[in-house]
C-alpha atoms as a PDB file:
ATOM      1  CA  UNK A   1       0.014  -0.128   0.269  1.00  0.00           C
ATOM      2  CA  UNK A   2       1.203   2.979  -1.199  1.00  0.00           C
ATOM      3  CA  UNK A   3      -0.528   5.791   1.350  1.00  0.00           C
ATOM      4  CA  UNK A   4       0.150   9.481  -0.388  1.00  0.00           C
ATOM      5  CA  UNK A   5       0.554  11.756   2.909  1.00  0.00           C
ATOM      6  CA  UNK A   6      -0.638  14.834   1.484  1.00  0.00           C
ATOM      7  CA  UNK A   7      -3.810  13.124   0.253  1.00  0.00           C
ATOM      8  CA  UNK A   8      -7.036  13.830   2.852  1.00  0.00           C
ATOM      9  CA  UNK A   9     -10.220  12.182   2.502  1.00  0.00           C
ATOM     10  CA  UNK A  10     -13.318  13.930   4.147  1.00  0.00           C
ATOM     11  CA  UNK A  11     -16.030  11.733   5.431  1.00  0.00           C
ATOM     12  CA  UNK A  12     -18.753  14.366   3.936  1.00  0.00           C
ATOM     13  CA  UNK A  13     -22.641  13.818   5.005  1.00  0.00           C
ATOM     14  CA  UNK A  14     -23.647  16.770   2.737  1.00  0.00           C
ATOM     15  CA  UNK A  15     -23.655  19.388   6.014  1.00  0.00           C
ATOM     16  CA  UNK A  16     -21.930  22.415   6.760  1.00  0.00           C
ATOM     17  CA  UNK A  17     -19.228  20.825   9.015  1.00  0.00           C
ATOM     18  CA  UNK A  18     -17.865  18.154   6.783  1.00  0.00           C
ATOM     19  CA  UNK A  19     -18.043  20.801   3.827  1.00  0.00           C
ATOM     20  CA  UNK A  20     -15.921  23.496   5.411  1.00  0.00           C
ATOM     21  CA  UNK A  21     -13.211  20.703   6.927  1.00  0.00           C
ATOM     22  CA  UNK A  22     -12.950  20.173   3.063  1.00  0.00           C
ATOM     23  CA  UNK A  23     -12.650  23.940   2.526  1.00  0.00           C
ATOM     24  CA  UNK A  24     -10.039  24.150   5.403  1.00  0.00           C
ATOM     25  CA  UNK A  25      -7.427  21.100   3.997  1.00  0.00           C
ATOM     26  CA  UNK A  26      -7.802  22.455   0.639  1.00  0.00           C
ATOM     27  CA  UNK A  27      -6.439  25.855   1.654  1.00  0.00           C
ATOM     28  CA  UNK A  28      -3.656  24.392   3.551  1.00  0.00           C
ATOM     29  CA  UNK A  29      -2.216  22.604   0.356  1.00  0.00           C
ATOM     30  CA  UNK A  30      -3.586  18.735   0.646  1.00  0.00           C
ATOM     31  CA  UNK A  31      -4.915  16.965  -2.247  1.00  0.00           C
ATOM     32  CA  UNK A  32      -8.669  16.646  -0.981  1.00  0.00           C
ATOM     33  CA  UNK A  33     -11.336  13.893  -1.313  1.00  0.00           C
ATOM     34  CA  UNK A  34     -15.355  14.115  -0.830  1.00  0.00           C
ATOM     35  CA  UNK A  35     -16.276  10.694   0.746  1.00  0.00           C
ATOM     36  CA  UNK A  36     -20.131   9.950   1.542  1.00  0.00           C
ATOM     37  CA  UNK A  37     -21.073   6.819   3.401  1.00  0.00           C
ATOM     38  CA  UNK A  38     -24.511   5.549   1.801  1.00  0.00           C
ATOM     39  CA  UNK A  39     -26.109   4.100   4.933  1.00  0.00           C
ATOM     40  CA  UNK A  40     -29.363   4.178   3.955  1.00  0.00           C
ATOM     41  CA  UNK A  41     -31.882   4.407   0.903  1.00  0.00           C
ATOM     42  CA  UNK A  42     -32.443   7.927   2.704  1.00  0.00           C
ATOM     43  CA  UNK A  43     -28.779   9.051   2.406  1.00  0.00           C
ATOM     44  CA  UNK A  44     -29.080  10.000  -1.519  1.00  0.00           C
ATOM     45  CA  UNK A  45     -29.885  13.627  -0.778  1.00  0.00           C
ATOM     46  CA  UNK A  46     -26.515  13.880   1.508  1.00  0.00           C
ATOM     47  CA  UNK A  47     -24.625  12.657  -1.475  1.00  0.00           C
ATOM     48  CA  UNK A  48     -26.155  15.225  -3.736  1.00  0.00           C
ATOM     49  CA  UNK A  49     -25.612  17.758  -1.391  1.00  0.00           C
ATOM     50  CA  UNK A  50     -22.076  16.738  -0.746  1.00  0.00           C
ATOM     51  CA  UNK A  51     -21.823  16.502  -4.815  1.00  0.00           C
ATOM     52  CA  UNK A  52     -22.723  20.076  -5.382  1.00  0.00           C
ATOM     53  CA  UNK A  53     -19.831  21.159  -2.718  1.00  0.00           C
ATOM     54  CA  UNK A  54     -17.480  18.912  -4.163  1.00  0.00           C
ATOM     55  CA  UNK A  55     -17.959  20.994  -7.295  1.00  0.00           C
ATOM     56  CA  UNK A  56     -18.094  24.076  -6.048  1.00  0.00           C
ATOM     57  CA  UNK A  57     -14.609  23.348  -4.328  1.00  0.00           C
ATOM     58  CA  UNK A  58     -13.074  21.495  -7.442  1.00  0.00           C
ATOM     59  CA  UNK A  59     -12.442  18.495  -5.811  1.00  0.00           C
ATOM     60  CA  UNK A  60     -12.975  14.386  -6.584  1.00  0.00           C
ATOM     61  CA  UNK A  61     -16.405  13.030  -4.708  1.00  0.00           C
ATOM     62  CA  UNK A  62     -16.615   9.586  -4.142  1.00  0.00           C
ATOM     63  CA  UNK A  63     -19.407   7.533  -2.934  1.00  0.00           C
ATOM     64  CA  UNK A  64     -19.283   4.226  -0.585  1.00  0.00           C
ATOM     65  CA  UNK A  65     -22.249   1.594  -0.373  1.00  0.00           C
ATOM     66  CA  UNK A  66     -22.471   1.059   3.116  1.00  0.00           C
ATOM     67  CA  UNK A  67     -26.179  -0.179   3.308  1.00  0.00           C
ATOM     68  CA  UNK A  68     -25.694  -3.929   4.070  1.00  0.00           C
ATOM     69  CA  UNK A  69     -22.669  -3.311   6.948  1.00  0.00           C
ATOM     70  CA  UNK A  70     -24.513  -0.043   8.586  1.00  0.00           C
ATOM     71  CA  UNK A  71     -27.653  -2.312   8.823  1.00  0.00           C
ATOM     72  CA  UNK A  72     -26.089  -5.164  10.508  1.00  0.00           C
ATOM     73  CA  UNK A  73     -23.606  -3.191  12.361  1.00  0.00           C
ATOM     74  CA  UNK A  74     -25.575  -0.133  13.465  1.00  0.00           C
ATOM     75  CA  UNK A  75     -29.408  -0.747  13.083  1.00  0.00           C
ATOM     76  CA  UNK A  76     -29.269  -4.055  14.312  1.00  0.00           C
ATOM     77  CA  UNK A  77     -27.163  -3.062  17.575  1.00  0.00           C
ATOM     78  CA  UNK A  78     -30.024  -0.255  17.909  1.00  0.00           C
ATOM     79  CA  UNK A  79     -33.177  -2.322  17.597  1.00  0.00           C
ATOM     80  CA  UNK A  80     -31.442  -4.829  19.796  1.00  0.00           C
ATOM     81  CA  UNK A  81     -30.656  -2.629  22.364  1.00  0.00           C
ATOM     82  CA  UNK A  82     -33.796  -1.028  22.948  1.00  0.00           C
ATOM     83  CA  UNK A  83     -35.633  -4.670  22.920  1.00  0.00           C
ATOM     84  CA  UNK A  84     -33.274  -5.687  25.348  1.00  0.00           C
ATOM     85  CA  UNK A  85     -34.582  -2.581  27.922  1.00  0.00           C
ATOM     86  CA  UNK A  86     -31.030  -0.986  26.981  1.00  0.00           C
ATOM     87  CA  UNK A  87     -30.545   2.906  25.683  1.00  0.00           C
ATOM     88  CA  UNK A  88     -28.345   2.303  22.888  1.00  0.00           C
ATOM     89  CA  UNK A  89     -26.150   5.387  21.417  1.00  0.00           C
ATOM     90  CA  UNK A  90     -26.229   4.100  17.864  1.00  0.00           C
ATOM     91  CA  UNK A  91     -23.681   7.684  16.686  1.00  0.00           C
ATOM     92  CA  UNK A  92     -20.837   5.621  19.307  1.00  0.00           C
ATOM     93  CA  UNK A  93     -21.054   2.252  17.469  1.00  0.00           C
ATOM     94  CA  UNK A  94     -21.264   3.870  13.977  1.00  0.00           C
ATOM     95  CA  UNK A  95     -18.002   5.331  14.551  1.00  0.00           C
ATOM     96  CA  UNK A  96     -16.034   2.477  15.848  1.00  0.00           C
ATOM     97  CA  UNK A  97     -17.963  -0.070  13.177  1.00  0.00           C
ATOM     98  CA  UNK A  98     -18.443   2.350   9.930  1.00  0.00           C
ATOM     99  CA  UNK A  99     -16.816   5.634  10.069  1.00  0.00           C
ATOM    100  CA  UNK A 100     -13.937   4.501  11.561  1.00  0.00           C
ATOM    101  CA  UNK A 101     -14.551   0.935  10.321  1.00  0.00           C
ATOM    102  CA  UNK A 102     -15.916   0.410   6.886  1.00  0.00           C
ATOM    103  CA  UNK A 103     -15.044   3.729   5.584  1.00  0.00           C
ATOM    104  CA  UNK A 104     -11.762   4.483   7.360  1.00  0.00           C
ATOM    105  CA  UNK A 105     -10.772   0.882   5.983  1.00  0.00           C
ATOM    106  CA  UNK A 106     -11.757   2.531   1.950  1.00  0.00           C
ATOM    107  CA  UNK A 107      -9.995   5.151   2.941  1.00  0.00           C
ATOM    108  CA  UNK A 108      -6.477   3.940   3.378  1.00  0.00           C
ATOM    109  CA  UNK A 109      -6.639   0.550   1.527  1.00  0.00           C
ATOM    110  CA  UNK A 110      -8.354   1.745  -1.799  1.00  0.00           C
ATOM    111  CA  UNK A 111      -8.044   5.732  -2.059  1.00  0.00           C
ATOM    112  CA  UNK A 112      -4.332   5.128  -0.483  1.00  0.00           C
ATOM    113  CA  UNK A 113      -4.932   8.293   1.418  1.00  0.00           C
ATOM    114  CA  UNK A 114      -2.407   9.617   4.192  1.00  0.00           C
ATOM    115  CA  UNK A 115      -5.011  11.497   6.231  1.00  0.00           C
ATOM    116  CA  UNK A 116      -9.131  11.097   7.508  1.00  0.00           C
ATOM    117  CA  UNK A 117     -10.547  13.938   8.458  1.00  0.00           C
ATOM    118  CA  UNK A 118     -14.379  14.510   9.653  1.00  0.00           C
ATOM    119  CA  UNK A 119     -16.267  17.468  10.764  1.00  0.00           C
ATOM    120  CA  UNK A 120     -16.320  16.366  14.493  1.00  0.00           C
ATOM    121  CA  UNK A 121     -15.622  19.062  17.144  1.00  0.00           C
ATOM    122  CA  UNK A 122     -12.678  18.335  19.043  1.00  0.00           C
ATOM    123  CA  UNK A 123      -8.761  18.143  18.733  1.00  0.00           C
ATOM    124  CA  UNK A 124      -5.796  15.669  18.019  1.00  0.00           C
ATOM    125  CA  UNK A 125      -2.758  16.737  20.019  1.00  0.00           C
ATOM    126  CA  UNK A 126       0.182  14.284  20.430  1.00  0.00           C
ATOM    127  CA  UNK A 127      -1.958  11.345  19.448  1.00  0.00           C
ATOM    128  CA  UNK A 128      -4.742  12.459  22.399  1.00  0.00           C
ATOM    129  CA  UNK A 129      -8.098  13.563  21.601  1.00  0.00           C
ATOM    130  CA  UNK A 130      -8.534  16.632  23.222  1.00  0.00           C
ATOM    131  CA  UNK A 131     -12.396  18.464  24.283  1.00  0.00           C
ATOM    132  CA  UNK A 132     -13.111  21.661  21.203  1.00  0.00           C
ATOM    133  CA  UNK A 133     -12.264  25.004  22.233  1.00  0.00           C
ATOM    134  CA  UNK A 134     -15.759  25.683  21.641  1.00  0.00           C
ATOM    135  CA  UNK A 135     -17.204  23.460  24.127  1.00  0.00           C
ATOM    136  CA  UNK A 136     -20.840  24.142  23.038  1.00  0.00           C
ATOM    137  CA  UNK A 137     -20.264  21.487  20.397  1.00  0.00           C
ATOM    138  CA  UNK A 138     -17.554  19.579  21.961  1.00  0.00           C
ATOM    139  CA  UNK A 139     -17.996  16.242  20.276  1.00  0.00           C
ATOM    140  CA  UNK A 140     -15.062  14.269  22.280  1.00  0.00           C
ATOM    141  CA  UNK A 141     -17.579  12.672  23.773  1.00  0.00           C
ATOM    142  CA  UNK A 142     -18.526  10.131  20.607  1.00  0.00           C
ATOM    143  CA  UNK A 143     -14.760   9.432  19.704  1.00  0.00           C
ATOM    144  CA  UNK A 144     -13.656   7.575  23.057  1.00  0.00           C
ATOM    145  CA  UNK A 145     -14.129   4.097  21.189  1.00  0.00           C
ATOM    146  CA  UNK A 146     -11.076   5.526  18.489  1.00  0.00           C
ATOM    147  CA  UNK A 147      -7.680   4.005  18.633  1.00  0.00           C
ATOM    148  CA  UNK A 148      -4.011   5.402  18.839  1.00  0.00           C
ATOM    149  CA  UNK A 149      -4.008   4.054  15.155  1.00  0.00           C
ATOM    150  CA  UNK A 150      -7.090   5.879  13.952  1.00  0.00           C
ATOM    151  CA  UNK A 151      -5.846   9.109  16.019  1.00  0.00           C
ATOM    152  CA  UNK A 152      -2.560   8.906  14.632  1.00  0.00           C
ATOM    153  CA  UNK A 153      -4.284   9.128  10.886  1.00  0.00           C
ATOM    154  CA  UNK A 154      -7.055  11.516  11.660  1.00  0.00           C
ATOM    155  CA  UNK A 155      -7.722  15.230  11.522  1.00  0.00           C
ATOM    156  CA  UNK A 156     -10.349  17.325  12.773  1.00  0.00           C
ATOM    157  CA  UNK A 157     -10.075  20.643  10.937  1.00  0.00           C
ATOM    158  CA  UNK A 158     -12.540  22.522  13.059  1.00  0.00           C
ATOM    159  CA  UNK A 159     -11.440  21.542  16.561  1.00  0.00           C
ATOM    160  CA  UNK A 160     -10.829  25.208  17.128  1.00  0.00           C
ATOM    161  CA  UNK A 161     -13.210  26.748  15.558  1.00  0.00           C
ATOM    162  CA  UNK A 162     -17.477  27.920  16.259  1.00  0.00           C
ATOM    163  CA  UNK A 163     -20.228  26.781  14.733  1.00  0.00           C
ATOM    164  CA  UNK A 164     -20.945  30.666  13.690  1.00  0.00           C
ATOM    165  CA  UNK A 165     -17.542  30.884  12.093  1.00  0.00           C
ATOM    166  CA  UNK A 166     -17.739  27.706  10.473  1.00  0.00           C
ATOM    167  CA  UNK A 167     -21.135  29.008   8.879  1.00  0.00           C
ATOM    168  CA  UNK A 168     -19.393  32.249   8.470  1.00  0.00           C
ATOM    169  CA  UNK A 169     -16.383  30.589   6.060  1.00  0.00           C
ATOM    170  CA  UNK A 170     -19.137  28.545   4.429  1.00  0.00           C
ATOM    171  CA  UNK A 171     -20.986  31.733   3.269  1.00  0.00           C
ATOM    172  CA  UNK A 172     -18.582  33.693   2.248  1.00  0.00           C
ATOM    173  CA  UNK A 173     -17.076  30.862  -0.158  1.00  0.00           C
ATOM    174  CA  UNK A 174     -20.763  30.380  -1.410  1.00  0.00           C
ATOM    175  CA  UNK A 175     -20.862  26.733  -0.466  1.00  0.00           C
ATOM    176  CA  UNK A 176     -24.516  25.683  -0.797  1.00  0.00           C
ATOM    177  CA  UNK A 177     -24.741  23.850   2.569  1.00  0.00           C
ATOM    178  CA  UNK A 178     -23.976  27.223   4.615  1.00  0.00           C
ATOM    179  CA  UNK A 179     -27.386  27.153   6.481  1.00  0.00           C
ATOM    180  CA  UNK A 180     -28.110  23.919   6.406  1.00  0.00           C
ATOM    181  CA  UNK A 181     -30.025  22.308   9.136  1.00  0.00           C
ATOM    182  CA  UNK A 182     -27.896  20.190  12.219  1.00  0.00           C
ATOM    183  CA  UNK A 183     -27.841  16.516  11.863  1.00  0.00           C
ATOM    184  CA  UNK A 184     -30.546  14.460  13.261  1.00  0.00           C
ATOM    185  CA  UNK A 185     -29.300  12.007  16.551  1.00  0.00           C
ATOM    186  CA  UNK A 186     -30.539   8.892  14.994  1.00  0.00           C
ATOM    187  CA  UNK A 187     -29.894   9.729  11.143  1.00  0.00           C
ATOM    188  CA  UNK A 188     -31.875   6.550  10.073  1.00  0.00           C
ATOM    189  CA  UNK A 189     -35.001   7.733  12.049  1.00  0.00           C
ATOM    190  CA  UNK A 190     -36.443  10.884  10.363  1.00  0.00           C
ATOM    191  CA  UNK A 191     -39.055  13.031  11.756  1.00  0.00           C
ATOM    192  CA  UNK A 192     -41.812  13.208  12.358  1.00  0.00           C
ATOM    193  CA  UNK A 193     -40.996   9.645  13.164  1.00  0.00           C
ATOM    194  CA  UNK A 194     -39.620   9.124  16.627  1.00  0.00           C
ATOM    195  CA  UNK A 195     -37.410   6.401  18.086  1.00  0.00           C
ATOM    196  CA  UNK A 196     -40.588   5.339  19.852  1.00  0.00           C
ATOM    197  CA  UNK A 197     -42.915   5.110  16.993  1.00  0.00           C
ATOM    198  CA  UNK A 198     -40.020   3.395  14.398  1.00  0.00           C
ATOM    199  CA  UNK A 199     -39.716   0.802  17.135  1.00  0.00           C
ATOM    200  CA  UNK A 200     -43.580   0.000  17.221  1.00  0.00           C
ATOM    201  CA  UNK A 201     -43.783  -0.027  14.174  1.00  0.00           C
ATOM    202  CA  UNK A 202     -40.798  -2.252  13.874  1.00  0.00           C
ATOM    203  CA  UNK A 203     -42.124  -4.617  16.737  1.00  0.00           C
ATOM    204  CA  UNK A 204     -45.501  -4.130  17.580  1.00  0.00           C
ATOM    205  CA  UNK A 205     -47.002  -3.106  20.797  1.00  0.00           C
ATOM    206  CA  UNK A 206     -45.540  -5.019  23.595  1.00  0.00           C
ATOM    207  CA  UNK A 207     -47.516  -4.453  26.921  1.00  0.00           C
ATOM    208  CA  UNK A 208     -46.652  -5.205  30.187  1.00  0.00           C
ATOM    209  CA  UNK A 209     -46.875  -4.020  33.762  1.00  0.00           C
ATOM    210  CA  UNK A 210     -45.611  -0.894  35.594  1.00  0.00           C
ATOM    211  CA  UNK A 211     -44.697  -1.713  38.980  1.00  0.00           C
ATOM    212  CA  UNK A 212     -43.707   0.315  42.197  1.00  0.00           C
ATOM    213  CA  UNK A 213     -39.783   0.377  42.685  1.00  0.00           C
ATOM    214  CA  UNK A 214     -39.949  -0.355  46.189  1.00  0.00           C
ATOM    215  CA  UNK A 215     -43.179  -2.173  46.728  1.00  0.00           C
ATOM    216  CA  UNK A 216     -43.540  -4.441  44.078  1.00  0.00           C
ATOM    217  CA  UNK A 217     -47.094  -2.847  43.635  1.00  0.00           C
ATOM    218  CA  UNK A 218     -48.706  -3.055  39.974  1.00  0.00           C
ATOM    219  CA  UNK A 219     -49.532   0.131  39.410  1.00  0.00           C
ATOM    220  CA  UNK A 220     -50.514   0.720  35.990  1.00  0.00           C
ATOM    221  CA  UNK A 221     -49.821  -0.749  32.077  1.00  0.00           C
ATOM    222  CA  UNK A 222     -47.002  -0.357  29.462  1.00  0.00           C
ATOM    223  CA  UNK A 223     -46.662  -0.465  25.745  1.00  0.00           C
ATOM    224  CA  UNK A 224     -43.245  -1.801  25.267  1.00  0.00           C
ATOM    225  CA  UNK A 225     -40.167  -1.854  27.355  1.00  0.00           C
ATOM    226  CA  UNK A 226     -38.397  -0.072  24.536  1.00  0.00           C
ATOM    227  CA  UNK A 227     -40.947   3.151  25.030  1.00  0.00           C
ATOM    228  CA  UNK A 228     -38.574   4.460  28.461  1.00  0.00           C
ATOM    229  CA  UNK A 229     -35.445   4.955  29.471  1.00  0.00           C
ATOM    230  CA  UNK A 230     -33.785   4.716  32.981  1.00  0.00           C
ATOM    231  CA  UNK A 231     -35.171   8.734  34.125  1.00  0.00           C
ATOM    232  CA  UNK A 232     -38.072   9.196  32.047  1.00  0.00           C
ATOM    233  CA  UNK A 233     -40.834  10.669  33.320  1.00  0.00           C
ATOM    234  CA  UNK A 234     -43.583  11.828  30.517  1.00  0.00           C
ATOM    235  CA  UNK A 235     -45.736   8.788  29.327  1.00  0.00           C
ATOM    236  CA  UNK A 236     -45.530   6.732  32.674  1.00  0.00           C
ATOM    237  CA  UNK A 237     -49.600   7.803  33.136  1.00  0.00           C
ATOM    238  CA  UNK A 238     -49.805   7.012  36.730  1.00  0.00           C
ATOM    239  CA  UNK A 239     -51.500   8.836  39.071  1.00  0.00           C
ATOM    240  CA  UNK A 240     -49.277   9.776  42.373  1.00  0.00           C
ATOM    241  CA  UNK A 241     -48.681  12.078  45.008  1.00  0.00           C
ATOM    242  CA  UNK A 242     -45.592  12.925  43.502  1.00  0.00           C
ATOM    243  CA  UNK A 243     -44.148  12.574  39.860  1.00  0.00           C
ATOM    244  CA  UNK A 244     -43.085   9.154  38.983  1.00  0.00           C
ATOM    245  CA  UNK A 245     -39.520   7.981  36.929  1.00  0.00           C
ATOM    246  CA  UNK A 246     -38.975   5.146  35.390  1.00  0.00           C
ATOM    247  CA  UNK A 247     -36.005   3.629  37.843  1.00  0.00           C
ATOM    248  CA  UNK A 248     -35.200   0.211  35.819  1.00  0.00           C
ATOM    249  CA  UNK A 249     -36.610  -2.338  33.443  1.00  0.00           C
ATOM    250  CA  UNK A 250     -36.731  -6.144  33.662  1.00  0.00           C
ATOM    251  CA  UNK A 251     -37.103  -6.967  29.893  1.00  0.00           C
ATOM    252  CA  UNK A 252     -37.147 -10.599  30.570  1.00  0.00           C
ATOM    253  CA  UNK A 253     -40.555 -10.112  33.014  1.00  0.00           C
ATOM    254  CA  UNK A 254     -41.363  -7.094  30.843  1.00  0.00           C
ATOM    255  CA  UNK A 255     -41.792  -5.227  33.614  1.00  0.00           C
ATOM    256  CA  UNK A 256     -41.010  -1.378  34.126  1.00  0.00           C
ATOM    257  CA  UNK A 257     -39.982  -0.043  37.404  1.00  0.00           C
ATOM    258  CA  UNK A 258     -41.100   3.520  38.819  1.00  0.00           C
ATOM    259  CA  UNK A 259     -39.999   5.279  41.746  1.00  0.00           C
ATOM    260  CA  UNK A 260     -39.308   8.672  42.893  1.00  0.00           C
ATOM    261  CA  UNK A 261     -36.642  10.985  41.359  1.00  0.00           C
ATOM    262  CA  UNK A 262     -34.159  10.306  44.871  1.00  0.00           C
ATOM    263  CA  UNK A 263     -34.675   6.528  43.590  1.00  0.00           C
ATOM    264  CA  UNK A 264     -32.643   7.242  40.577  1.00  0.00           C
ATOM    265  CA  UNK A 265     -29.663   8.254  42.171  1.00  0.00           C
ATOM    266  CA  UNK A 266     -26.071   5.875  41.945  1.00  0.00           C
ATOM    267  CA  UNK A 267     -23.029   6.561  42.465  1.00  0.00           C
ATOM    268  CA  UNK A 268     -21.400   2.736  41.080  1.00  0.00           C
ATOM    269  CA  UNK A 269     -21.383   1.250  38.193  1.00  0.00           C
ATOM    270  CA  UNK A 270     -20.447  -1.341  35.992  1.00  0.00           C
ATOM    271  CA  UNK A 271     -18.935  -0.854  32.068  1.00  0.00           C
ATOM    272  CA  UNK A 272     -18.013  -2.829  29.510  1.00  0.00           C
ATOM    273  CA  UNK A 273     -16.336  -2.771  26.015  1.00  0.00           C
ATOM    274  CA  UNK A 274     -13.798  -0.604  27.585  1.00  0.00           C
ATOM    275  CA  UNK A 275     -11.685   1.269  24.881  1.00  0.00           C
ATOM    276  CA  UNK A 276      -8.028   2.552  26.519  1.00  0.00           C
ATOM    277  CA  UNK A 277      -7.006   5.422  24.912  1.00  0.00           C
ATOM    278  CA  UNK A 278      -4.268   6.584  27.559  1.00  0.00           C
ATOM    279  CA  UNK A 279      -3.612   4.196  30.518  1.00  0.00           C
ATOM    280  CA  UNK A 280      -5.920   4.774  33.613  1.00  0.00           C
ATOM    281  CA  UNK A 281      -6.941   3.536  36.981  1.00  0.00           C
ATOM    282  CA  UNK A 282      -8.050   5.608  39.743  1.00  0.00           C
ATOM    283  CA  UNK A 283      -9.377   9.238  39.690  1.00  0.00           C
ATOM    284  CA  UNK A 284     -10.959  10.375  36.643  1.00  0.00           C
ATOM    285  CA  UNK A 285     -13.745  12.597  35.285  1.00  0.00           C
ATOM    286  CA  UNK A 286     -16.566  10.629  34.335  1.00  0.00           C
ATOM    287  CA  UNK A 287     -19.487  11.866  31.899  1.00  0.00           C
ATOM    288  CA  UNK A 288     -22.143   9.142  31.783  1.00  0.00           C
ATOM    289  CA  UNK A 289     -24.097  11.489  28.872  1.00  0.00           C
ATOM    290  CA  UNK A 290     -23.676  13.299  25.937  1.00  0.00           C
ATOM    291  CA  UNK A 291     -24.897  16.211  27.184  1.00  0.00           C
ATOM    292  CA  UNK A 292     -24.304  15.554  30.952  1.00  0.00           C
ATOM    293  CA  UNK A 293     -21.334  17.784  32.665  1.00  0.00           C
ATOM    294  CA  UNK A 294     -18.354  15.395  33.717  1.00  0.00           C
ATOM    295  CA  UNK A 295     -17.873  14.889  37.348  1.00  0.00           C
ATOM    296  CA  UNK A 296     -15.212  13.199  39.450  1.00  0.00           C
ATOM    297  CA  UNK A 297     -15.232   9.412  39.581  1.00  0.00           C
ATOM    298  CA  UNK A 298     -12.912   6.292  40.679  1.00  0.00           C
ATOM    299  CA  UNK A 299     -12.163   3.458  37.777  1.00  0.00           C
ATOM    300  CA  UNK A 300     -11.271   0.079  38.957  1.00  0.00           C
ATOM    301  CA  UNK A 301     -10.394  -2.407  36.426  1.00  0.00           C
ATOM    302  CA  UNK A 302     -12.455  -5.972  36.530  1.00  0.00           C
ATOM    303  CA  UNK A 303     -11.276  -7.573  33.594  1.00  0.00           C
ATOM    304  CA  UNK A 304      -9.642  -6.959  30.249  1.00  0.00           C
ATOM    305  CA  UNK A 305     -12.489  -4.661  28.944  1.00  0.00           C
ATOM    306  CA  UNK A 306     -14.498  -4.504  31.784  1.00  0.00           C
ATOM    307  CA  UNK A 307     -14.690  -1.946  35.120  1.00  0.00           C
ATOM    308  CA  UNK A 308     -16.190  -0.862  37.885  1.00  0.00           C
ATOM    309  CA  UNK A 309     -17.082   2.892  38.494  1.00  0.00           C
ATOM    310  CA  UNK A 310     -17.637   4.805  41.252  1.00  0.00           C
ATOM    311  CA  UNK A 311     -18.518   8.688  41.576  1.00  0.00           C
ATOM    312  CA  UNK A 312     -17.727  11.211  43.729  1.00  0.00           C
ATOM    313  CA  UNK A 313     -20.956  12.382  44.406  1.00  0.00           C
ATOM    314  CA  UNK A 314     -24.380  10.222  43.257  1.00  0.00           C
ATOM    315  CA  UNK A 315     -25.709  10.602  39.607  1.00  0.00           C
ATOM    316  CA  UNK A 316     -29.449  10.748  38.452  1.00  0.00           C
ATOM    317  CA  UNK A 317     -30.326   8.547  35.812  1.00  0.00           C
ATOM    318  CA  UNK A 318     -27.301   6.239  35.170  1.00  0.00           C
ATOM    319  CA  UNK A 319     -28.521   4.649  31.627  1.00  0.00           C
ATOM    320  CA  UNK A 320     -27.244   0.816  31.091  1.00  0.00           C
ATOM    321  CA  UNK A 321     -26.466   0.943  27.459  1.00  0.00           C
ATOM    322  CA  UNK A 322     -25.329   4.470  27.207  1.00  0.00           C
ATOM    323  CA  UNK A 323     -21.705   5.454  27.056  1.00  0.00           C
ATOM    324  CA  UNK A 324     -19.888   6.101  30.132  1.00  0.00           C
ATOM    325  CA  UNK A 325     -16.639   8.153  28.840  1.00  0.00           C
ATOM    326  CA  UNK A 326     -13.141   9.297  30.824  1.00  0.00           C
ATOM    327  CA  UNK A 327     -11.093  12.229  30.880  1.00  0.00           C
ATOM    328  CA  UNK A 328      -8.358  13.599  32.583  1.00  0.00           C
ATOM    329  CA  UNK A 329      -8.851  14.905  36.124  1.00  0.00           C
ATOM    330  CA  UNK A 330      -8.330  18.465  34.228  1.00  0.00           C
ATOM    331  CA  UNK A 331     -11.465  17.452  32.198  1.00  0.00           C
ATOM    332  CA  UNK A 332      -9.180  18.375  28.900  1.00  0.00           C
ATOM    333  CA  UNK A 333      -8.742  14.814  27.095  1.00  0.00           C
ATOM    334  CA  UNK A 334     -10.082  11.871  26.191  1.00  0.00           C
ATOM    335  CA  UNK A 335      -8.905   8.470  28.398  1.00  0.00           C
ATOM    336  CA  UNK A 336     -11.732   6.378  26.970  1.00  0.00           C
ATOM    337  CA  UNK A 337     -14.741   4.643  27.884  1.00  0.00           C
ATOM    338  CA  UNK A 338     -17.177   2.153  27.683  1.00  0.00           C
ATOM    339  CA  UNK A 339     -20.649   1.111  27.489  1.00  0.00           C
ATOM    340  CA  UNK A 340     -22.597   1.237  31.021  1.00  0.00           C
ATOM    341  CA  UNK A 341     -23.754  -2.613  31.840  1.00  0.00           C
ATOM    342  CA  UNK A 342     -25.847  -1.813  35.500  1.00  0.00           C
ATOM    343  CA  UNK A 343     -26.186   0.613  37.722  1.00  0.00           C
ATOM    344  CA  UNK A 344     -26.044   0.239  41.571  1.00  0.00           C
ATOM    345  CA  UNK A 345     -29.987   0.257  42.482  1.00  0.00           C
ATOM    346  CA  UNK A 346     -30.992  -0.905  39.235  1.00  0.00           C
ATOM    347  CA  UNK A 347     -31.609  -4.850  38.279  1.00  0.00           C
END
C-alpha cells in the first residue's frame, strides 16, 4: 500500500461541518477527496448535497455503499439494545464500526490517502483527543472508541472553531450548505418519526406491567419496554402523590419499575467493552451522557474490557446502554470509555 501523505479524504455528510473541513484542508495545500457513505436509502439527499459542495471546491467526490454493513452493524445493534431494555447510542457504535471501520478501511486501503478527516468538533494533539475549544459543540464524548492508530491518521479541522465561524466561512465561500440544518441524533429515523414510533412499527406493541420500585405493587400498564428509558417521567401515566420516574426495566419479565426522583440516584456502576486510549485507573472525570457535565469518579479495572466505576457524588439516571466516557482530572482530554452495563439500584 502506497499512502500519499498529502492526500486527505473527508467523510462528507452533505452538511456544513464536513464541507468546511474540506475547504480548510484544501486551503492548507492537501489533495482533498470527499467521501460520502450511503448508510440507507435516505442517504441519497446527502450524496447530492456533498456532490454540489465538491463541485464548488473543485475536488473529487466518491461514494461508498454501506447499506448492508450499516444495517447489520448499527441498526440491528440499536434495535437489539432497545428490545433488551437498554438505551443504546448508535452514533458511538457507528463511529467505531462504520466511520473508523468500513470507511476508514476504504480511505487508506482503496483511496491510498494519508489522512482521514471528519467535521467533528474535537482536537487531536500528541495522539490524544482533546475537547473542542468551542465547548458548546464539543463532540469528544462520541470519539472514545477511537484507537491510537485511528488518532495518528485522523484530523479534525474544526476543533478550534465555533459553529458561527464555520457557517460564516461557508457563506463567504458560497458553499451551498451554509445554512443547512443540524444533523439528527439518529440518522435513520427522520422526523416526524420518533424512536418510539419506529420501534413500535418494527416490533409492534408489547404491553406489560408498571410496578412500584420498592413496593412491587402493580401501578399501571406500559406499551413496550422500548418506549422508555431510565429517568423518563413523561408517558408513565400513573397517578401518584409525587411525579414518578422510570427507575429500571426488566426485559425478561417485560416490567418497568417506577419510583421517585431520589430513587434514580446511583454512585456505582459497571462498564463493558472498555476502550483505553490512554492508560488510566483510579481518579478520573466521568461523563455518563453526551449532554451531561463530567464529574469525578474512581475506576477499578475488573477485566481486560470491563471496569467498576464509583462516582464521588451520586448521579441521577445512570442508564445501561449509554456510554460512560473518561477524561483526565483537568477535564481536557479523553482517556477512553465503555458501555454502562448496570448501575447501583437497578436490576
